[in-house]
């Protein structure tokens, strides 16, 4: 991942962060709506879908870690995000994906890791 991509994916406003309920990636509502989630785009269609962003992300999370080099970071291994995209992640996320979304992911032949 290039330095520009990492900067583009970084949260813009710490007061309005939301966490993906599937992987814990932190972004603003607008970033999820415009760029989606780098880890979950294959199974959750965030781009341009406000209702999906509202139902599949939450502002109820604790802590934040920034992972620049996931495959080399002990923090990424500790948080179990070593195989995911570089970015900022919640330490703990509170909430559940909607039932329909869980069923869609379970029905996938090979869902992306999370």
C-alpha atoms as a PDB file:
ATOM      1  CA  UNK A   1       0.000   0.000   0.000  1.00  0.00           C
ATOM      2  CA  UNK A   2       1.466   3.356  -0.992  1.00  0.00           C
ATOM      3  CA  UNK A   3       1.939   6.267   1.405  1.00  0.00           C
ATOM      4  CA  UNK A   4      -0.729   8.215  -0.519  1.00  0.00           C
ATOM      5  CA  UNK A   5      -3.247   5.399  -0.076  1.00  0.00           C
ATOM      6  CA  UNK A   6      -2.550   5.225   3.650  1.00  0.00           C
ATOM      7  CA  UNK A   7      -3.076   8.982   3.971  1.00  0.00           C
ATOM      8  CA  UNK A   8      -6.295   8.802   1.901  1.00  0.00           C
ATOM      9  CA  UNK A   9      -7.656   6.065   4.173  1.00  0.00           C
ATOM     10  CA  UNK A  10      -6.768   7.823   7.428  1.00  0.00           C
ATOM     11  CA  UNK A  11      -9.721   9.232   9.379  1.00  0.00           C
ATOM     12  CA  UNK A  12     -10.262  12.923   8.725  1.00  0.00           C
ATOM     13  CA  UNK A  13     -12.065  13.917  11.929  1.00  0.00           C
ATOM     14  CA  UNK A  14     -11.533  12.075  15.205  1.00  0.00           C
ATOM     15  CA  UNK A  15     -14.827  13.330  16.665  1.00  0.00           C
ATOM     16  CA  UNK A  16     -17.000  11.677  14.004  1.00  0.00           C
ATOM     17  CA  UNK A  17     -15.297   8.302  13.660  1.00  0.00           C
ATOM     18  CA  UNK A  18     -17.267   5.165  12.989  1.00  0.00           C
ATOM     19  CA  UNK A  19     -16.036   1.574  13.173  1.00  0.00           C
ATOM     20  CA  UNK A  20     -16.900  -1.126  10.663  1.00  0.00           C
ATOM     21  CA  UNK A  21     -18.876  -3.743  12.599  1.00  0.00           C
ATOM     22  CA  UNK A  22     -17.145  -6.544  10.706  1.00  0.00           C
ATOM     23  CA  UNK A  23     -13.444  -5.588  10.884  1.00  0.00           C
ATOM     24  CA  UNK A  24     -13.188  -2.539  13.180  1.00  0.00           C
ATOM     25  CA  UNK A  25     -11.646  -0.197  10.572  1.00  0.00           C
ATOM     26  CA  UNK A  26     -12.181   3.430  11.597  1.00  0.00           C
ATOM     27  CA  UNK A  27     -13.312   6.128   9.161  1.00  0.00           C
ATOM     28  CA  UNK A  28     -15.778   8.972   9.051  1.00  0.00           C
ATOM     29  CA  UNK A  29     -19.312   8.365   7.792  1.00  0.00           C
ATOM     30  CA  UNK A  30     -18.457  10.203   4.564  1.00  0.00           C
ATOM     31  CA  UNK A  31     -15.296   8.144   4.015  1.00  0.00           C
ATOM     32  CA  UNK A  32     -17.245   4.877   4.367  1.00  0.00           C
ATOM     33  CA  UNK A  33     -19.893   6.241   1.997  1.00  0.00           C
ATOM     34  CA  UNK A  34     -17.406   7.389  -0.655  1.00  0.00           C
ATOM     35  CA  UNK A  35     -14.631   4.751  -0.375  1.00  0.00           C
ATOM     36  CA  UNK A  36     -16.215   1.826   1.422  1.00  0.00           C
ATOM     37  CA  UNK A  37     -14.206  -0.447   3.708  1.00  0.00           C
ATOM     38  CA  UNK A  38     -10.957  -1.780   2.257  1.00  0.00           C
ATOM     39  CA  UNK A  39     -11.403  -5.051   4.149  1.00  0.00           C
ATOM     40  CA  UNK A  40     -15.099  -5.665   3.587  1.00  0.00           C
ATOM     41  CA  UNK A  41     -15.944  -4.205   0.147  1.00  0.00           C
ATOM     42  CA  UNK A  42     -16.323  -7.725  -1.275  1.00  0.00           C
ATOM     43  CA  UNK A  43     -19.092  -8.620   1.171  1.00  0.00           C
ATOM     44  CA  UNK A  44     -20.607  -5.274   2.250  1.00  0.00           C
ATOM     45  CA  UNK A  45     -21.426  -2.617  -0.351  1.00  0.00           C
ATOM     46  CA  UNK A  46     -20.860   0.665   1.498  1.00  0.00           C
ATOM     47  CA  UNK A  47     -20.147   2.954  -1.462  1.00  0.00           C
ATOM     48  CA  UNK A  48     -22.954   5.446  -1.970  1.00  0.00           C
ATOM     49  CA  UNK A  49     -25.289   3.619   0.427  1.00  0.00           C
ATOM     50  CA  UNK A  50     -26.037   5.713   3.528  1.00  0.00           C
ATOM     51  CA  UNK A  51     -28.329   3.120   5.105  1.00  0.00           C
ATOM     52  CA  UNK A  52     -25.656   0.423   4.808  1.00  0.00           C
ATOM     53  CA  UNK A  53     -23.083   2.754   6.376  1.00  0.00           C
ATOM     54  CA  UNK A  54     -25.479   3.460   9.264  1.00  0.00           C
ATOM     55  CA  UNK A  55     -26.362  -0.195   9.867  1.00  0.00           C
ATOM     56  CA  UNK A  56     -22.912  -1.766   9.340  1.00  0.00           C
ATOM     57  CA  UNK A  57     -20.807   0.782  11.236  1.00  0.00           C
ATOM     58  CA  UNK A  58     -21.052   2.189  14.738  1.00  0.00           C
ATOM     59  CA  UNK A  59     -19.789   5.110  16.761  1.00  0.00           C
ATOM     60  CA  UNK A  60     -19.761   2.854  19.850  1.00  0.00           C
ATOM     61  CA  UNK A  61     -16.164   1.660  20.092  1.00  0.00           C
ATOM     62  CA  UNK A  62     -13.227   1.918  22.457  1.00  0.00           C
ATOM     63  CA  UNK A  63      -9.632   2.821  21.759  1.00  0.00           C
ATOM     64  CA  UNK A  64      -7.766   3.181  18.512  1.00  0.00           C
ATOM     65  CA  UNK A  65      -4.593   1.727  17.045  1.00  0.00           C
ATOM     66  CA  UNK A  66      -2.958   2.780  13.805  1.00  0.00           C
ATOM     67  CA  UNK A  67      -1.466   0.000  11.720  1.00  0.00           C
ATOM     68  CA  UNK A  68       0.903   1.062   8.952  1.00  0.00           C
ATOM     69  CA  UNK A  69       2.576  -2.258   8.182  1.00  0.00           C
ATOM     70  CA  UNK A  70       0.075  -4.979   9.193  1.00  0.00           C
ATOM     71  CA  UNK A  71       2.225  -7.978   8.263  1.00  0.00           C
ATOM     72  CA  UNK A  72       5.149  -6.788  10.429  1.00  0.00           C
ATOM     73  CA  UNK A  73       3.319  -5.253  13.402  1.00  0.00           C
ATOM     74  CA  UNK A  74       3.006  -7.045  16.742  1.00  0.00           C
ATOM     75  CA  UNK A  75       0.077  -4.733  17.541  1.00  0.00           C
ATOM     76  CA  UNK A  76      -1.680  -5.919  14.367  1.00  0.00           C
ATOM     77  CA  UNK A  77      -1.182  -9.536  15.441  1.00  0.00           C
ATOM     78  CA  UNK A  78      -2.412  -8.709  18.970  1.00  0.00           C
ATOM     79  CA  UNK A  79      -5.529  -7.028  17.544  1.00  0.00           C
ATOM     80  CA  UNK A  80      -5.938  -9.841  14.975  1.00  0.00           C
ATOM     81  CA  UNK A  81      -5.799  -7.425  12.032  1.00  0.00           C
ATOM     82  CA  UNK A  82      -2.440  -8.556  10.638  1.00  0.00           C
ATOM     83  CA  UNK A  83      -4.026  -9.760   7.393  1.00  0.00           C
ATOM     84  CA  UNK A  84      -6.155  -6.640   6.881  1.00  0.00           C
ATOM     85  CA  UNK A  85      -5.471  -3.285   5.199  1.00  0.00           C
ATOM     86  CA  UNK A  86      -3.291  -0.641   6.820  1.00  0.00           C
ATOM     87  CA  UNK A  87      -5.353   1.953   8.692  1.00  0.00           C
ATOM     88  CA  UNK A  88      -6.798   2.900  12.060  1.00  0.00           C
ATOM     89  CA  UNK A  89      -8.710   0.226  13.954  1.00  0.00           C
ATOM     90  CA  UNK A  90     -10.911   0.216  17.033  1.00  0.00           C
ATOM     91  CA  UNK A  91      -9.557  -1.817  19.957  1.00  0.00           C
ATOM     92  CA  UNK A  92     -13.112  -2.924  20.838  1.00  0.00           C
ATOM     93  CA  UNK A  93     -16.298  -2.513  18.798  1.00  0.00           C
ATOM     94  CA  UNK A  94     -19.772  -2.678  20.369  1.00  0.00           C
ATOM     95  CA  UNK A  95     -22.669  -3.749  18.182  1.00  0.00           C
ATOM     96  CA  UNK A  96     -23.673  -6.410  15.699  1.00  0.00           C
ATOM     97  CA  UNK A  97     -24.073  -6.540  11.953  1.00  0.00           C
ATOM     98  CA  UNK A  98     -27.680  -6.780  10.783  1.00  0.00           C
ATOM     99  CA  UNK A  99     -28.921 -10.368  10.527  1.00  0.00           C
ATOM    100  CA  UNK A 100     -29.408 -10.103   6.747  1.00  0.00           C
ATOM    101  CA  UNK A 101     -25.804  -8.966   6.298  1.00  0.00           C
ATOM    102  CA  UNK A 102     -24.481 -11.867   8.393  1.00  0.00           C
ATOM    103  CA  UNK A 103     -26.522 -14.326   6.329  1.00  0.00           C
ATOM    104  CA  UNK A 104     -25.152 -12.880   3.067  1.00  0.00           C
ATOM    105  CA  UNK A 105     -21.565 -13.234   4.319  1.00  0.00           C
ATOM    106  CA  UNK A 106     -22.173 -16.797   5.536  1.00  0.00           C
ATOM    107  CA  UNK A 107     -23.642 -17.691   2.127  1.00  0.00           C
ATOM    108  CA  UNK A 108     -20.474 -16.528   0.351  1.00  0.00           C
ATOM    109  CA  UNK A 109     -18.300 -19.340  -0.973  1.00  0.00           C
ATOM    110  CA  UNK A 110     -15.048 -17.670   0.147  1.00  0.00           C
ATOM    111  CA  UNK A 111     -15.657 -14.569   2.311  1.00  0.00           C
ATOM    112  CA  UNK A 112     -12.722 -12.187   2.741  1.00  0.00           C
ATOM    113  CA  UNK A 113     -10.803 -12.577   6.021  1.00  0.00           C
ATOM    114  CA  UNK A 114     -11.709 -10.499   8.979  1.00  0.00           C
END
